[in-house]
Amino acid sequence: MAFIEIVDENEANGLLADIYDAARNRAGRVYNILKIQSQNPDALQAMLGLYVATMRGESPLTRAQREMLAVVVSRANNCHY
């Protein structure tokens, strides 16, 4: 079984603390998909930027269509996120 050490919310500081705070403000909690990347806050911030650009940036697809595609891909990958 794989194990990846995470930085807990109460141990986060600097950029990671800011990312965790923004996640709590946005979603009410910090999901594990963010915590699993907590060892490298710069990479986590870049991933979040890609996510925002993909899901909320200019696109010929509606937000609903993008969400639908994300659900289909997650289901095909057996991912519950």
N, C-alpha and C. Protein backbone atom coordinates (compact mmCIF):
# COMPACT_ATOMS: atom_id res chain seq x y z
N MET A 1 0.84 -1.17 0.00
CA MET A 1 0.00 0.00 0.00
C MET A 1 0.89 1.24 0.00
N ALA A 2 0.57 2.19 -0.86
CA ALA A 2 1.34 3.43 -0.95
C ALA A 2 0.98 4.35 0.22
N PHE A 3 1.96 5.13 0.64
CA PHE A 3 1.73 6.10 1.70
C PHE A 3 2.44 7.39 1.32
N ILE A 4 1.71 8.45 1.30
CA ILE A 4 2.28 9.77 1.02
C ILE A 4 2.03 10.63 2.24
N GLU A 5 3.09 11.15 2.82
CA GLU A 5 2.96 12.01 3.99
C GLU A 5 2.35 13.35 3.57
N ILE A 6 1.37 13.79 4.33
CA ILE A 6 0.72 15.07 4.04
C ILE A 6 1.04 16.07 5.16
N VAL A 7 0.89 17.34 4.83
CA VAL A 7 1.00 18.40 5.83
C VAL A 7 -0.42 18.66 6.33
N ASP A 8 -0.65 18.43 7.60
CA ASP A 8 -1.97 18.62 8.18
C ASP A 8 -2.34 20.10 8.19
N GLU A 9 -3.61 20.36 8.24
CA GLU A 9 -4.10 21.75 8.21
C GLU A 9 -3.52 22.60 9.33
N ASN A 10 -3.41 22.05 10.51
CA ASN A 10 -2.91 22.85 11.64
C ASN A 10 -1.39 22.99 11.64
N GLU A 11 -0.70 22.32 10.71
CA GLU A 11 0.75 22.44 10.60
C GLU A 11 1.18 23.27 9.38
N ALA A 12 0.21 23.63 8.55
CA ALA A 12 0.52 24.36 7.32
C ALA A 12 0.92 25.79 7.64
N ASN A 13 1.87 26.31 6.86
CA ASN A 13 2.24 27.72 6.98
C ASN A 13 2.55 28.27 5.60
N GLY A 14 2.70 29.57 5.52
CA GLY A 14 3.04 30.22 4.26
C GLY A 14 2.02 29.98 3.16
N LEU A 15 2.52 29.67 1.97
CA LEU A 15 1.67 29.45 0.81
C LEU A 15 0.68 28.32 1.04
N LEU A 16 1.12 27.23 1.65
CA LEU A 16 0.22 26.11 1.88
C LEU A 16 -0.93 26.50 2.81
N ALA A 17 -0.65 27.27 3.84
CA ALA A 17 -1.71 27.74 4.73
C ALA A 17 -2.70 28.61 3.97
N ASP A 18 -2.20 29.44 3.07
CA ASP A 18 -3.08 30.28 2.25
C ASP A 18 -3.97 29.42 1.35
N ILE A 19 -3.39 28.39 0.75
CA ILE A 19 -4.16 27.49 -0.13
C ILE A 19 -5.22 26.76 0.69
N TYR A 20 -4.85 26.25 1.85
CA TYR A 20 -5.81 25.56 2.72
C TYR A 20 -6.94 26.51 3.15
N ASP A 21 -6.58 27.74 3.52
CA ASP A 21 -7.60 28.72 3.92
C ASP A 21 -8.58 29.00 2.78
N ALA A 22 -8.04 29.17 1.58
CA ALA A 22 -8.90 29.41 0.41
C ALA A 22 -9.81 28.22 0.15
N ALA A 23 -9.30 27.02 0.33
CA ALA A 23 -10.11 25.82 0.13
C ALA A 23 -11.25 25.76 1.15
N ARG A 24 -10.94 26.06 2.41
CA ARG A 24 -11.99 26.07 3.44
C ARG A 24 -13.04 27.13 3.14
N ASN A 25 -12.61 28.30 2.68
CA ASN A 25 -13.56 29.36 2.34
C ASN A 25 -14.44 28.98 1.15
N ARG A 26 -13.86 28.25 0.20
CA ARG A 26 -14.57 27.89 -1.02
C ARG A 26 -15.48 26.67 -0.80
N ALA A 27 -14.97 25.66 -0.09
CA ALA A 27 -15.68 24.38 -0.02
C ALA A 27 -16.08 23.98 1.40
N GLY A 28 -15.66 24.77 2.39
CA GLY A 28 -15.99 24.43 3.77
C GLY A 28 -15.03 23.44 4.41
N ARG A 29 -14.08 22.93 3.62
CA ARG A 29 -13.09 21.98 4.13
C ARG A 29 -11.95 21.87 3.13
N VAL A 30 -10.88 21.20 3.56
CA VAL A 30 -9.75 20.94 2.68
C VAL A 30 -9.81 19.47 2.28
N TYR A 31 -10.08 19.23 1.02
CA TYR A 31 -10.22 17.85 0.53
C TYR A 31 -8.85 17.19 0.39
N ASN A 32 -8.84 15.87 0.50
CA ASN A 32 -7.59 15.11 0.42
C ASN A 32 -6.87 15.29 -0.91
N ILE A 33 -7.58 15.58 -1.98
CA ILE A 33 -6.95 15.80 -3.27
C ILE A 33 -5.96 16.96 -3.20
N LEU A 34 -6.20 17.91 -2.30
CA LEU A 34 -5.25 19.00 -2.07
C LEU A 34 -4.17 18.57 -1.09
N LYS A 35 -4.57 17.92 -0.02
CA LYS A 35 -3.60 17.52 1.02
C LYS A 35 -2.53 16.58 0.47
N ILE A 36 -2.91 15.75 -0.49
CA ILE A 36 -1.95 14.78 -1.02
C ILE A 36 -0.81 15.48 -1.76
N GLN A 37 -1.02 16.73 -2.13
CA GLN A 37 0.01 17.51 -2.82
C GLN A 37 0.68 18.53 -1.91
N SER A 38 0.44 18.42 -0.62
CA SER A 38 0.87 19.45 0.33
C SER A 38 2.38 19.54 0.52
N GLN A 39 3.13 18.53 0.14
CA GLN A 39 4.59 18.59 0.29
C GLN A 39 5.23 19.58 -0.69
N ASN A 40 4.47 19.96 -1.74
CA ASN A 40 5.01 20.90 -2.72
C ASN A 40 3.96 21.97 -3.02
N PRO A 41 3.85 22.98 -2.15
CA PRO A 41 2.83 24.02 -2.32
C PRO A 41 2.89 24.74 -3.66
N ASP A 42 4.09 24.93 -4.22
CA ASP A 42 4.19 25.60 -5.52
C ASP A 42 3.52 24.77 -6.61
N ALA A 43 3.75 23.46 -6.61
CA ALA A 43 3.11 22.58 -7.59
C ALA A 43 1.59 22.53 -7.35
N LEU A 44 1.19 22.52 -6.09
CA LEU A 44 -0.25 22.53 -5.76
C LEU A 44 -0.90 23.80 -6.27
N GLN A 45 -0.25 24.93 -6.08
CA GLN A 45 -0.79 26.20 -6.57
C GLN A 45 -0.90 26.18 -8.10
N ALA A 46 0.09 25.63 -8.78
CA ALA A 46 0.06 25.54 -10.24
C ALA A 46 -1.08 24.63 -10.70
N MET A 47 -1.29 23.51 -10.01
CA MET A 47 -2.39 22.60 -10.34
C MET A 47 -3.73 23.30 -10.17
N LEU A 48 -3.87 24.07 -9.11
CA LEU A 48 -5.12 24.79 -8.89
C LEU A 48 -5.35 25.83 -9.98
N GLY A 49 -4.27 26.48 -10.43
CA GLY A 49 -4.38 27.44 -11.52
C GLY A 49 -4.84 26.76 -12.80
N LEU A 50 -4.31 25.58 -13.08
CA LEU A 50 -4.73 24.83 -14.26
C LEU A 50 -6.21 24.45 -14.15
N TYR A 51 -6.60 24.00 -12.96
CA TYR A 51 -7.99 23.62 -12.74
C TYR A 51 -8.93 24.82 -12.98
N VAL A 52 -8.60 25.96 -12.42
CA VAL A 52 -9.44 27.15 -12.58
C VAL A 52 -9.50 27.57 -14.04
N ALA A 53 -8.36 27.56 -14.72
CA ALA A 53 -8.35 27.92 -16.14
C ALA A 53 -9.18 26.95 -16.97
N THR A 54 -9.10 25.68 -16.65
CA THR A 54 -9.84 24.66 -17.39
C THR A 54 -11.33 24.74 -17.13
N MET A 55 -11.71 24.90 -15.88
CA MET A 55 -13.12 24.84 -15.51
C MET A 55 -13.84 26.19 -15.59
N ARG A 56 -13.10 27.29 -15.45
CA ARG A 56 -13.76 28.60 -15.39
C ARG A 56 -13.26 29.59 -16.44
N GLY A 57 -12.21 29.25 -17.16
CA GLY A 57 -11.66 30.15 -18.15
C GLY A 57 -12.51 30.18 -19.42
N GLU A 58 -12.09 31.00 -20.35
CA GLU A 58 -12.82 31.10 -21.62
C GLU A 58 -12.78 29.75 -22.34
N SER A 59 -13.93 29.38 -22.90
CA SER A 59 -14.04 28.09 -23.57
C SER A 59 -15.31 28.07 -24.39
N PRO A 60 -15.32 27.31 -25.49
CA PRO A 60 -16.57 27.13 -26.22
C PRO A 60 -17.55 26.23 -25.46
N LEU A 61 -17.06 25.55 -24.43
CA LEU A 61 -17.91 24.69 -23.62
C LEU A 61 -18.50 25.48 -22.45
N THR A 62 -19.73 25.15 -22.08
CA THR A 62 -20.33 25.77 -20.90
C THR A 62 -19.71 25.16 -19.65
N ARG A 63 -19.92 25.82 -18.55
CA ARG A 63 -19.43 25.27 -17.27
C ARG A 63 -20.07 23.91 -17.01
N ALA A 64 -21.35 23.77 -17.32
CA ALA A 64 -22.04 22.49 -17.12
C ALA A 64 -21.42 21.39 -17.98
N GLN A 65 -21.07 21.71 -19.22
CA GLN A 65 -20.45 20.72 -20.10
C GLN A 65 -19.08 20.30 -19.56
N ARG A 66 -18.32 21.25 -19.06
CA ARG A 66 -17.02 20.93 -18.50
C ARG A 66 -17.15 20.05 -17.26
N GLU A 67 -18.12 20.38 -16.42
CA GLU A 67 -18.36 19.56 -15.22
C GLU A 67 -18.78 18.15 -15.62
N MET A 68 -19.63 18.04 -16.65
CA MET A 68 -20.07 16.74 -17.12
C MET A 68 -18.88 15.91 -17.61
N LEU A 69 -18.00 16.53 -18.37
CA LEU A 69 -16.81 15.83 -18.85
C LEU A 69 -15.93 15.37 -17.69
N ALA A 70 -15.80 16.20 -16.69
CA ALA A 70 -15.00 15.83 -15.52
C ALA A 70 -15.61 14.63 -14.81
N VAL A 71 -16.92 14.60 -14.69
CA VAL A 71 -17.60 13.47 -14.05
C VAL A 71 -17.40 12.19 -14.85
N VAL A 72 -17.55 12.29 -16.17
CA VAL A 72 -17.40 11.10 -17.02
C VAL A 72 -15.97 10.56 -16.92
N VAL A 73 -14.98 11.44 -16.98
CA VAL A 73 -13.59 10.99 -16.89
C VAL A 73 -13.31 10.39 -15.52
N SER A 74 -13.80 11.03 -14.47
CA SER A 74 -13.60 10.49 -13.12
C SER A 74 -14.24 9.12 -12.98
N ARG A 75 -15.41 8.96 -13.51
CA ARG A 75 -16.10 7.65 -13.44
C ARG A 75 -15.32 6.60 -14.23
N ALA A 76 -14.86 6.96 -15.42
CA ALA A 76 -14.08 6.01 -16.23
C ALA A 76 -12.80 5.59 -15.51
N ASN A 77 -12.25 6.47 -14.69
CA ASN A 77 -11.04 6.20 -13.93
C ASN A 77 -11.31 5.63 -12.54
N ASN A 78 -12.59 5.35 -12.23
CA ASN A 78 -12.98 4.87 -10.91
C ASN A 78 -12.54 5.80 -9.79
N CYS A 79 -12.63 7.09 -10.06
CA CYS A 79 -12.25 8.11 -9.08
C CYS A 79 -13.52 8.74 -8.51
N HIS A 80 -13.67 8.74 -7.21
CA HIS A 80 -14.89 9.30 -6.60
C HIS A 80 -14.86 10.82 -6.49
N TYR A 81 -13.76 11.47 -6.85
CA TYR A 81 -13.73 12.92 -6.84
C TYR A 81 -14.51 13.42 -8.04
